[in-house]
Amino acid sequence: MEDIPHILVVDDDNRLRELLRKFLTENDFRVTSSANAAEARNILRSLKFDLLVLDIMMPGESGLELTSVLRETSRVPILLLTAMGESEHRIDGLERGADDYLAKPFEPRELLARIRSILRRVSPQVGKTLIILGKYQYDPLRQQLLGPDGPIKLTNAEARLLQVLVANPGSPISRESLQEKSQLRGSIRAVDVQVTRLRRKIEPNPKMPRYLQTIRGQGYVLWPD
């Protein structure tokens, strides 16, 4: 049972909470549920989870507020559920530290796909394997880039972008997806700017990239050694 991902579902809708518990259990997850943020806090004091599914609109402390508090001490992945599909609410959730969001109503299979995607993305963070990029090494656990002379400073934006790429080695990721998962503000060009900066730090020849390549029509891909 310890190898089965454990998910905490927090939603004040009793019917939806039970449906999610049953559906996720049937799809090989351990599930604990909670009706509000206060109850979730008590559970989190005694149990460790692989992912949290939080409803944004709850009586008392909202899912957004709980996300902000948790991010002060925890890196547990968070998927937000919201009936508010407007971009400002989505951005607010991501800026507070959520890993993804899903607008209600949703297809259960989409929720399942997003949960599995998040768990795949964060899996390198819990391992000890270094990502080799020529004479550089990237430590996903510490989110640290190491060179021959020691650590190389990364900006927050560069670190977030590299973490997303490292979680998907050899798989092209669209610029739009990179922008959302890396929480980069501004236009889509912000992704290109950060990629250029990263290449200057990891590529022997940034103008002819070996590791962080452009795939025409698909986005960017990281090819470690």
Protein backbone atom coordinates (compact mmCIF):
# COMPACT_ATOMS: atom_id res chain seq x y z
CA MET A 1 0.00 0.00 0.00
CA GLU A 2 2.92 2.36 0.63
CA ASP A 3 3.70 2.38 -3.08
CA ILE A 4 0.19 3.54 -3.99
CA PRO A 5 -0.07 7.35 -4.28
CA HIS A 6 -2.08 8.86 -1.44
CA ILE A 7 -4.38 11.77 -2.34
CA LEU A 8 -6.21 14.17 -0.03
CA VAL A 9 -9.47 15.52 -1.51
CA VAL A 10 -10.80 18.68 0.15
CA ASP A 11 -14.26 19.80 -0.96
CA ASP A 12 -17.34 20.94 0.97
CA ASP A 13 -19.68 19.26 -1.56
CA ASN A 14 -20.41 15.91 0.10
CA ARG A 15 -21.68 14.27 -3.07
CA LEU A 16 -18.73 15.34 -5.22
CA ARG A 17 -16.26 14.45 -2.50
CA GLU A 18 -17.63 10.92 -2.26
CA LEU A 19 -17.71 10.52 -6.05
CA LEU A 20 -14.07 11.58 -6.28
CA ARG A 21 -13.08 9.26 -3.45
CA LYS A 22 -14.77 6.31 -5.14
CA PHE A 23 -13.47 7.13 -8.63
CA LEU A 24 -9.86 7.66 -7.57
CA THR A 25 -9.90 4.55 -5.39
CA GLU A 26 -11.11 2.52 -8.37
CA ASN A 27 -8.14 3.91 -10.32
CA ASP A 28 -5.53 2.65 -7.87
CA PHE A 29 -5.10 5.62 -5.53
CA ARG A 30 -5.40 5.76 -1.77
CA VAL A 31 -7.83 8.54 -0.92
CA THR A 32 -8.55 10.52 2.23
CA SER A 33 -11.23 13.20 2.12
CA SER A 34 -12.01 16.35 4.05
CA ALA A 35 -14.95 18.79 4.02
CA ASN A 36 -12.99 21.98 4.74
CA ALA A 37 -9.56 23.53 5.15
CA ALA A 38 -9.53 23.32 8.96
CA GLU A 39 -10.19 19.60 8.86
CA ALA A 40 -7.57 19.19 6.13
CA ARG A 41 -4.98 20.92 8.31
CA ASN A 42 -5.56 18.42 11.11
CA ILE A 43 -5.21 15.51 8.71
CA LEU A 44 -2.00 16.93 7.23
CA ARG A 45 -0.42 17.05 10.69
CA SER A 46 -0.49 13.27 10.95
CA LEU A 47 -0.49 11.94 7.37
CA LYS A 48 1.76 12.43 4.36
CA PHE A 49 0.20 12.81 0.91
CA ASP A 50 1.50 12.59 -2.65
CA LEU A 51 -1.02 15.14 -3.97
CA LEU A 52 -3.83 17.40 -2.75
CA VAL A 53 -7.05 18.13 -4.65
CA LEU A 54 -8.50 21.37 -3.24
CA ASP A 55 -11.77 23.09 -4.03
CA ILE A 56 -11.31 26.85 -4.22
CA MET A 57 -14.76 27.92 -2.98
CA MET A 58 -15.25 26.56 0.53
CA PRO A 59 -16.82 28.06 3.66
CA GLY A 60 -14.21 29.63 5.89
CA GLU A 61 -10.68 29.30 4.54
CA SER A 62 -10.69 28.98 0.75
CA GLY A 63 -8.59 26.60 -1.30
CA LEU A 64 -6.50 29.55 -2.50
CA GLU A 65 -5.76 30.62 1.09
CA LEU A 66 -4.91 27.07 2.12
CA THR A 67 -2.58 26.76 -0.88
CA SER A 68 -0.71 29.90 0.15
CA VAL A 69 -0.26 28.66 3.71
CA LEU A 70 0.88 25.19 2.66
CA ARG A 71 3.45 26.59 0.26
CA GLU A 72 5.23 28.26 3.17
CA THR A 73 6.36 24.88 4.48
CA SER A 74 5.47 22.18 1.92
CA ARG A 75 6.08 21.29 -1.71
CA VAL A 76 3.27 18.72 -1.91
CA PRO A 77 1.63 18.96 -5.38
CA ILE A 78 -1.72 20.79 -5.42
CA LEU A 79 -4.51 20.58 -7.99
CA LEU A 80 -7.23 23.22 -7.58
CA LEU A 81 -10.88 22.63 -8.46
CA THR A 82 -12.84 25.74 -9.33
CA ALA A 83 -16.16 26.80 -10.76
CA MET A 84 -14.47 30.04 -11.75
CA GLY A 85 -12.93 29.59 -15.16
CA GLU A 86 -11.76 33.17 -15.60
CA SER A 87 -8.06 33.56 -16.27
CA GLU A 88 -7.44 35.82 -13.27
CA HIS A 89 -8.54 33.07 -10.85
CA ARG A 90 -6.43 30.49 -12.66
CA ILE A 91 -3.40 32.77 -12.56
CA ASP A 92 -4.02 33.58 -8.89
CA GLY A 93 -4.00 29.89 -8.03
CA LEU A 94 -0.81 29.22 -9.96
CA GLU A 95 0.93 32.23 -8.45
CA ARG A 96 0.07 30.99 -4.96
CA GLY A 97 1.89 27.76 -5.75
CA ALA A 98 -0.71 25.38 -7.20
CA ASP A 99 0.60 22.91 -9.78
CA ASP A 100 -2.55 22.83 -11.92
CA TYR A 101 -6.24 23.67 -11.90
CA LEU A 102 -9.41 22.15 -13.29
CA ALA A 103 -12.66 24.05 -13.86
CA LYS A 104 -15.99 22.54 -12.82
CA PRO A 105 -17.82 20.73 -14.25
CA PHE A 106 -15.16 18.34 -15.48
CA GLU A 107 -14.85 14.83 -16.84
CA PRO A 108 -13.48 12.41 -14.22
CA ARG A 109 -11.04 11.04 -16.79
CA GLU A 110 -9.58 14.52 -17.27
CA LEU A 111 -9.06 14.84 -13.52
CA LEU A 112 -7.34 11.45 -13.55
CA ALA A 113 -5.11 12.49 -16.45
CA ARG A 114 -4.11 15.73 -14.74
CA ILE A 115 -3.33 13.96 -11.46
CA ARG A 116 -1.14 11.42 -13.24
CA SER A 117 0.57 14.18 -15.21
CA ILE A 118 1.40 16.11 -12.03
CA LEU A 119 2.76 13.00 -10.33
CA ARG A 120 4.96 12.28 -13.36
CA ARG A 121 6.26 15.85 -13.35
CA VAL A 122 7.21 15.86 -9.70
CA SER A 123 8.71 12.37 -9.61
CA PRO A 124 12.28 13.59 -10.39
CA GLN A 125 12.08 15.91 -7.38
CA VAL A 126 11.83 13.00 -4.97
CA GLY A 127 14.68 11.03 -6.49
CA LYS A 128 18.41 11.47 -6.07
CA THR A 129 19.41 11.15 -9.72
CA LEU A 130 21.35 14.09 -11.13
CA ILE A 131 20.50 15.24 -14.66
CA ILE A 132 23.71 15.36 -16.71
CA LEU A 133 24.10 18.16 -19.24
CA GLY A 134 27.69 17.87 -20.42
CA LYS A 135 29.93 19.43 -17.80
CA TYR A 136 26.89 20.61 -15.87
CA GLN A 137 24.65 18.68 -13.48
CA TYR A 138 21.14 19.57 -12.38
CA ASP A 139 19.84 18.40 -9.01
CA PRO A 140 16.01 18.22 -9.27
CA LEU A 141 15.61 17.76 -5.51
CA ARG A 142 17.40 21.00 -4.66
CA GLN A 143 16.57 22.66 -7.99
CA GLN A 144 20.26 23.50 -8.27
CA LEU A 145 22.49 23.73 -11.35
CA LEU A 146 26.08 22.63 -10.69
CA GLY A 147 29.09 23.46 -12.86
CA PRO A 148 32.79 22.53 -12.69
CA ASP A 149 33.38 25.41 -10.27
CA GLY A 150 30.31 24.92 -8.10
CA PRO A 151 26.65 26.05 -8.10
CA ILE A 152 25.43 28.30 -10.91
CA LYS A 153 22.88 30.93 -9.98
CA LEU A 154 19.44 30.51 -11.56
CA THR A 155 16.68 33.07 -11.39
CA ASN A 156 13.32 31.87 -10.09
CA ALA A 157 11.91 31.87 -13.63
CA GLU A 158 14.88 29.91 -14.99
CA ALA A 159 14.64 27.36 -12.18
CA ARG A 160 10.89 26.83 -12.71
CA LEU A 161 11.34 26.43 -16.46
CA LEU A 162 14.23 23.99 -16.10
CA GLN A 163 12.28 21.95 -13.55
CA VAL A 164 9.41 21.49 -16.01
CA LEU A 165 11.81 20.48 -18.79
CA VAL A 166 13.69 18.06 -16.54
CA ALA A 167 10.41 16.36 -15.59
CA ASN A 168 9.75 15.63 -19.28
CA PRO A 169 13.15 14.63 -20.79
CA GLY A 170 13.02 13.90 -24.49
CA SER A 171 9.39 15.08 -24.77
CA PRO A 172 8.66 18.32 -26.65
CA ILE A 173 6.62 20.79 -24.61
CA SER A 174 4.70 23.62 -26.25
CA ARG A 175 5.55 27.19 -25.39
CA GLU A 176 2.02 27.69 -24.06
CA SER A 177 2.34 24.70 -21.72
CA LEU A 178 5.79 25.81 -20.58
CA GLN A 179 4.48 29.28 -19.80
CA GLU A 180 1.60 27.95 -17.72
CA LYS A 181 3.53 25.26 -15.85
CA SER A 182 6.48 27.60 -15.20
CA GLN A 183 4.13 30.41 -14.15
CA LEU A 184 5.83 32.90 -16.44
CA ARG A 185 4.07 36.23 -16.74
CA GLY A 186 3.75 38.34 -19.87
CA SER A 187 3.42 37.25 -23.47
CA ILE A 188 4.44 33.90 -24.88
CA ARG A 189 7.76 35.50 -25.77
CA ALA A 190 8.66 35.27 -22.08
CA VAL A 191 9.30 31.55 -22.64
CA ASP A 192 11.72 32.27 -25.50
CA VAL A 193 13.57 34.81 -23.36
CA GLN A 194 14.01 32.35 -20.49
CA VAL A 195 15.09 29.56 -22.85
CA THR A 196 17.75 31.85 -24.31
CA ARG A 197 19.02 32.68 -20.83
CA LEU A 198 19.09 29.02 -19.82
CA ARG A 199 21.04 28.10 -22.94
CA ARG A 200 23.73 30.61 -22.01
CA LYS A 201 24.19 28.72 -18.74
CA ILE A 202 24.07 25.07 -19.90
CA GLU A 203 25.11 25.02 -23.56
CA PRO A 204 28.73 24.90 -24.81
CA ASN A 205 27.47 26.90 -27.81
CA PRO A 206 24.11 28.60 -27.10
CA LYS A 207 23.64 29.38 -30.81
CA MET A 208 23.85 25.66 -31.62
CA PRO A 209 22.12 24.06 -28.61
CA ARG A 210 22.87 20.45 -27.80
CA TYR A 211 20.68 19.95 -24.73
CA LEU A 212 17.82 22.49 -24.86
CA GLN A 213 16.56 22.25 -28.42
CA THR A 214 13.78 23.86 -30.42
CA ILE A 215 11.35 21.48 -32.12
CA ARG A 216 9.68 23.36 -34.95
CA GLY A 217 5.92 23.53 -34.50
CA GLN A 218 6.05 21.71 -31.13
CA GLY A 219 8.05 23.83 -28.67
CA TYR A 220 11.16 22.95 -26.70
CA VAL A 221 12.72 19.71 -25.52
CA LEU A 222 15.52 18.85 -23.08
CA TRP A 223 17.94 16.08 -24.11
CA PRO A 224 20.16 15.16 -21.14
CA ASP A 225 23.21 12.89 -21.54
